[in-house]
Amino acid sequence: MKHVTKNHIKLKQSETNYTMVKTQDEVLTTDEAIQYLKISRPTYFKCIRLGRINAIKVGSGWRVLQSELNRFLKSGRGNRKERLTATR
């Protein structure tokens, strides 16, 4: 399967000069995303529907950037138990 990538350019400071470092942000399918997140298919679609994961519909499938999945994981918004205990 061929992966589509989106290029990002970051500036990296080394001493007094800046160099450009090119990184690639991989585009994942639904199956790849749920495998990466280790969640069920219904949970993945629920997160998309609720706006917790930003994804786009392409034909009959969904695509999401891997950086978006990393943002979702770092945000902790998927962990219901933590949210419930934090509000008590």
N, C-alpha and C. Protein backbone atom coordinates (compact mmCIF):
# COMPACT_ATOMS: atom_id res chain seq x y z
N MET A 1 0.84 -1.18 0.00
CA MET A 1 0.00 0.00 0.00
C MET A 1 0.89 1.24 0.00
N LYS A 2 0.60 2.16 -0.87
CA LYS A 2 1.37 3.39 -0.96
C LYS A 2 0.81 4.41 0.01
N HIS A 3 1.67 5.05 0.76
CA HIS A 3 1.24 6.06 1.73
C HIS A 3 1.45 7.46 1.17
N VAL A 4 0.49 8.30 1.40
CA VAL A 4 0.60 9.70 1.02
C VAL A 4 1.18 10.43 2.22
N THR A 5 2.10 11.31 1.97
CA THR A 5 2.69 12.04 3.08
C THR A 5 2.53 13.54 2.88
N LYS A 6 2.51 14.26 3.95
CA LYS A 6 2.46 15.71 3.93
C LYS A 6 3.78 16.20 4.51
N ASN A 7 4.44 17.06 3.81
CA ASN A 7 5.75 17.53 4.25
C ASN A 7 5.61 18.73 5.19
N HIS A 8 6.41 18.74 6.21
CA HIS A 8 6.52 19.85 7.13
C HIS A 8 7.97 20.28 7.16
N ILE A 9 8.19 21.55 7.34
CA ILE A 9 9.55 22.05 7.44
C ILE A 9 9.70 22.70 8.81
N LYS A 10 10.70 22.27 9.55
CA LYS A 10 10.97 22.82 10.86
C LYS A 10 12.33 23.50 10.82
N LEU A 11 12.48 24.52 11.63
CA LEU A 11 13.77 25.17 11.76
C LEU A 11 14.48 24.61 12.98
N LYS A 12 15.71 24.23 12.80
CA LYS A 12 16.49 23.66 13.88
C LYS A 12 17.69 24.57 14.13
N GLN A 13 17.82 25.03 15.37
CA GLN A 13 18.90 25.95 15.69
C GLN A 13 20.13 25.16 16.12
N SER A 14 21.23 25.41 15.43
CA SER A 14 22.50 24.82 15.85
C SER A 14 23.49 25.96 16.01
N GLU A 15 23.79 26.25 17.26
CA GLU A 15 24.65 27.37 17.65
C GLU A 15 24.04 28.67 17.13
N THR A 16 24.65 29.32 16.15
CA THR A 16 24.15 30.63 15.73
C THR A 16 23.40 30.61 14.41
N ASN A 17 23.41 29.48 13.68
CA ASN A 17 22.69 29.46 12.40
C ASN A 17 21.51 28.48 12.46
N TYR A 18 20.56 28.72 11.58
CA TYR A 18 19.37 27.88 11.51
C TYR A 18 19.47 26.99 10.28
N THR A 19 19.08 25.73 10.44
CA THR A 19 19.03 24.82 9.31
C THR A 19 17.61 24.30 9.18
N MET A 20 17.23 23.98 7.99
CA MET A 20 15.88 23.47 7.75
C MET A 20 15.90 21.95 7.79
N VAL A 21 15.02 21.37 8.59
CA VAL A 21 14.89 19.93 8.71
C VAL A 21 13.51 19.56 8.18
N LYS A 22 13.47 18.68 7.22
CA LYS A 22 12.20 18.27 6.61
C LYS A 22 11.72 16.98 7.27
N THR A 23 10.49 17.01 7.79
CA THR A 23 9.90 15.80 8.37
C THR A 23 8.65 15.46 7.57
N GLN A 24 8.24 14.23 7.63
CA GLN A 24 7.04 13.81 6.91
C GLN A 24 5.97 13.38 7.89
N ASP A 25 4.77 13.80 7.60
CA ASP A 25 3.61 13.46 8.41
C ASP A 25 2.79 12.45 7.62
N GLU A 26 2.76 11.22 8.07
CA GLU A 26 2.11 10.15 7.32
C GLU A 26 0.59 10.23 7.41
N VAL A 27 -0.06 9.93 6.31
CA VAL A 27 -1.52 9.87 6.25
C VAL A 27 -1.93 8.42 6.46
N LEU A 28 -2.82 8.20 7.43
CA LEU A 28 -3.23 6.83 7.78
C LEU A 28 -4.68 6.57 7.41
N THR A 29 -4.96 5.33 7.05
CA THR A 29 -6.33 4.89 6.80
C THR A 29 -7.00 4.57 8.14
N THR A 30 -8.26 4.25 8.10
CA THR A 30 -8.98 3.89 9.32
C THR A 30 -8.34 2.68 10.00
N ASP A 31 -8.08 1.63 9.24
CA ASP A 31 -7.50 0.42 9.83
C ASP A 31 -6.13 0.70 10.44
N GLU A 32 -5.32 1.50 9.75
CA GLU A 32 -4.00 1.84 10.29
C GLU A 32 -4.11 2.69 11.55
N ALA A 33 -5.08 3.62 11.56
CA ALA A 33 -5.27 4.50 12.72
C ALA A 33 -5.73 3.72 13.95
N ILE A 34 -6.70 2.81 13.78
CA ILE A 34 -7.18 2.07 14.95
C ILE A 34 -6.11 1.10 15.47
N GLN A 35 -5.29 0.62 14.56
CA GLN A 35 -4.18 -0.23 14.98
C GLN A 35 -3.14 0.59 15.74
N TYR A 36 -2.85 1.78 15.26
CA TYR A 36 -1.89 2.68 15.90
C TYR A 36 -2.38 3.09 17.29
N LEU A 37 -3.66 3.43 17.40
CA LEU A 37 -4.23 3.87 18.68
C LEU A 37 -4.57 2.72 19.61
N LYS A 38 -4.69 1.51 19.05
CA LYS A 38 -5.09 0.33 19.82
C LYS A 38 -6.47 0.52 20.46
N ILE A 39 -7.40 0.99 19.62
CA ILE A 39 -8.79 1.15 20.05
C ILE A 39 -9.70 0.45 19.05
N SER A 40 -10.96 0.28 19.42
CA SER A 40 -11.91 -0.39 18.52
C SER A 40 -12.36 0.57 17.41
N ARG A 41 -12.87 -0.03 16.36
CA ARG A 41 -13.38 0.75 15.23
C ARG A 41 -14.52 1.69 15.66
N PRO A 42 -15.52 1.19 16.43
CA PRO A 42 -16.60 2.10 16.87
C PRO A 42 -16.08 3.27 17.73
N THR A 43 -15.10 3.01 18.58
CA THR A 43 -14.54 4.07 19.42
C THR A 43 -13.83 5.11 18.56
N TYR A 44 -13.11 4.66 17.54
CA TYR A 44 -12.42 5.57 16.62
C TYR A 44 -13.43 6.49 15.93
N PHE A 45 -14.50 5.90 15.39
CA PHE A 45 -15.50 6.72 14.70
C PHE A 45 -16.24 7.65 15.66
N LYS A 46 -16.42 7.22 16.89
CA LYS A 46 -17.05 8.09 17.89
C LYS A 46 -16.16 9.31 18.17
N CYS A 47 -14.86 9.08 18.28
CA CYS A 47 -13.92 10.18 18.51
C CYS A 47 -13.92 11.17 17.34
N ILE A 48 -14.04 10.67 16.13
CA ILE A 48 -14.14 11.54 14.96
C ILE A 48 -15.44 12.33 15.02
N ARG A 49 -16.55 11.62 15.28
CA ARG A 49 -17.87 12.27 15.32
C ARG A 49 -17.93 13.37 16.38
N LEU A 50 -17.28 13.13 17.53
CA LEU A 50 -17.30 14.12 18.62
C LEU A 50 -16.26 15.22 18.44
N GLY A 51 -15.45 15.12 17.38
CA GLY A 51 -14.45 16.15 17.12
C GLY A 51 -13.17 16.00 17.92
N ARG A 52 -12.99 14.86 18.57
CA ARG A 52 -11.77 14.63 19.35
C ARG A 52 -10.59 14.29 18.45
N ILE A 53 -10.89 13.68 17.30
CA ILE A 53 -9.88 13.38 16.29
C ILE A 53 -10.31 14.08 15.00
N ASN A 54 -9.41 14.87 14.43
CA ASN A 54 -9.69 15.54 13.16
C ASN A 54 -9.29 14.62 12.02
N ALA A 55 -10.27 14.24 11.23
CA ALA A 55 -10.03 13.36 10.09
C ALA A 55 -10.85 13.88 8.92
N ILE A 56 -10.49 13.43 7.71
CA ILE A 56 -11.26 13.84 6.54
C ILE A 56 -11.79 12.61 5.82
N LYS A 57 -12.96 12.77 5.25
CA LYS A 57 -13.60 11.70 4.49
C LYS A 57 -13.05 11.74 3.06
N VAL A 58 -12.53 10.61 2.61
CA VAL A 58 -12.01 10.49 1.25
C VAL A 58 -12.71 9.30 0.61
N GLY A 59 -13.59 9.59 -0.33
CA GLY A 59 -14.39 8.52 -0.93
C GLY A 59 -15.25 7.87 0.13
N SER A 60 -15.09 6.56 0.29
CA SER A 60 -15.88 5.85 1.30
C SER A 60 -15.09 5.65 2.60
N GLY A 61 -13.86 6.14 2.65
CA GLY A 61 -13.03 5.94 3.84
C GLY A 61 -12.63 7.26 4.50
N TRP A 62 -11.92 7.14 5.59
CA TRP A 62 -11.43 8.28 6.34
C TRP A 62 -9.91 8.29 6.34
N ARG A 63 -9.33 9.49 6.37
CA ARG A 63 -7.88 9.64 6.45
C ARG A 63 -7.56 10.60 7.59
N VAL A 64 -6.46 10.30 8.25
CA VAL A 64 -6.03 11.12 9.39
C VAL A 64 -4.51 11.20 9.38
N LEU A 65 -3.97 12.34 9.79
CA LEU A 65 -2.52 12.49 9.89
C LEU A 65 -2.03 11.83 11.18
N GLN A 66 -0.88 11.20 11.11
CA GLN A 66 -0.32 10.55 12.30
C GLN A 66 -0.07 11.58 13.40
N SER A 67 0.32 12.79 13.02
CA SER A 67 0.54 13.84 14.03
C SER A 67 -0.75 14.18 14.76
N GLU A 68 -1.90 14.05 14.09
CA GLU A 68 -3.19 14.28 14.74
C GLU A 68 -3.47 13.20 15.77
N LEU A 69 -3.11 11.96 15.45
CA LEU A 69 -3.29 10.87 16.42
C LEU A 69 -2.37 11.07 17.62
N ASN A 70 -1.16 11.55 17.38
CA ASN A 70 -0.24 11.83 18.49
C ASN A 70 -0.77 12.95 19.36
N ARG A 71 -1.36 13.98 18.74
CA ARG A 71 -1.96 15.08 19.49
C ARG A 71 -3.10 14.56 20.36
N PHE A 72 -3.93 13.70 19.78
CA PHE A 72 -5.06 13.11 20.49
C PHE A 72 -4.57 12.30 21.71
N LEU A 73 -3.53 11.51 21.51
CA LEU A 73 -3.00 10.71 22.61
C LEU A 73 -2.41 11.58 23.71
N LYS A 74 -1.70 12.63 23.32
CA LYS A 74 -1.09 13.53 24.31
C LYS A 74 -2.13 14.33 25.07
N SER A 75 -3.26 14.62 24.43
CA SER A 75 -4.29 15.44 25.07
C SER A 75 -4.98 14.70 26.21
N GLY A 76 -4.99 13.37 26.14
CA GLY A 76 -5.65 12.59 27.19
C GLY A 76 -7.16 12.67 27.13
N ARG A 77 -7.71 13.22 26.07
CA ARG A 77 -9.17 13.39 25.96
C ARG A 77 -9.89 12.08 25.80
N GLY A 78 -9.18 11.03 25.45
CA GLY A 78 -9.84 9.75 25.26
C GLY A 78 -10.00 8.95 26.54
N ASN A 79 -9.36 9.39 27.63
CA ASN A 79 -9.36 8.63 28.86
C ASN A 79 -10.50 9.09 29.76
N ARG A 80 -11.61 8.40 29.70
CA ARG A 80 -12.82 8.78 30.43
C ARG A 80 -12.64 8.69 31.95
N LYS A 81 -11.96 7.65 32.43
CA LYS A 81 -11.78 7.48 33.87
C LYS A 81 -11.02 8.65 34.48
N GLU A 82 -9.98 9.11 33.80
CA GLU A 82 -9.22 10.26 34.30
C GLU A 82 -10.09 11.49 34.39
N ARG A 83 -10.93 11.73 33.36
CA ARG A 83 -11.80 12.92 33.36
C ARG A 83 -12.81 12.84 34.49
N LEU A 84 -13.33 11.64 34.74
CA LEU A 84 -14.34 11.50 35.80
C LEU A 84 -13.73 11.75 37.18
N THR A 85 -12.54 11.21 37.43
CA THR A 85 -11.92 11.40 38.75
C THR A 85 -11.40 12.82 38.94
N ALA A 86 -11.06 13.49 37.86
CA ALA A 86 -10.55 14.86 37.95
C ALA A 86 -11.68 15.83 38.31
N THR A 87 -12.92 15.50 37.98
CA THR A 87 -14.04 16.39 38.25
C THR A 87 -14.64 16.17 39.63
N ARG A 88 -14.21 15.12 40.30
CA ARG A 88 -14.78 14.83 41.64
C ARG A 88 -14.03 15.54 42.73
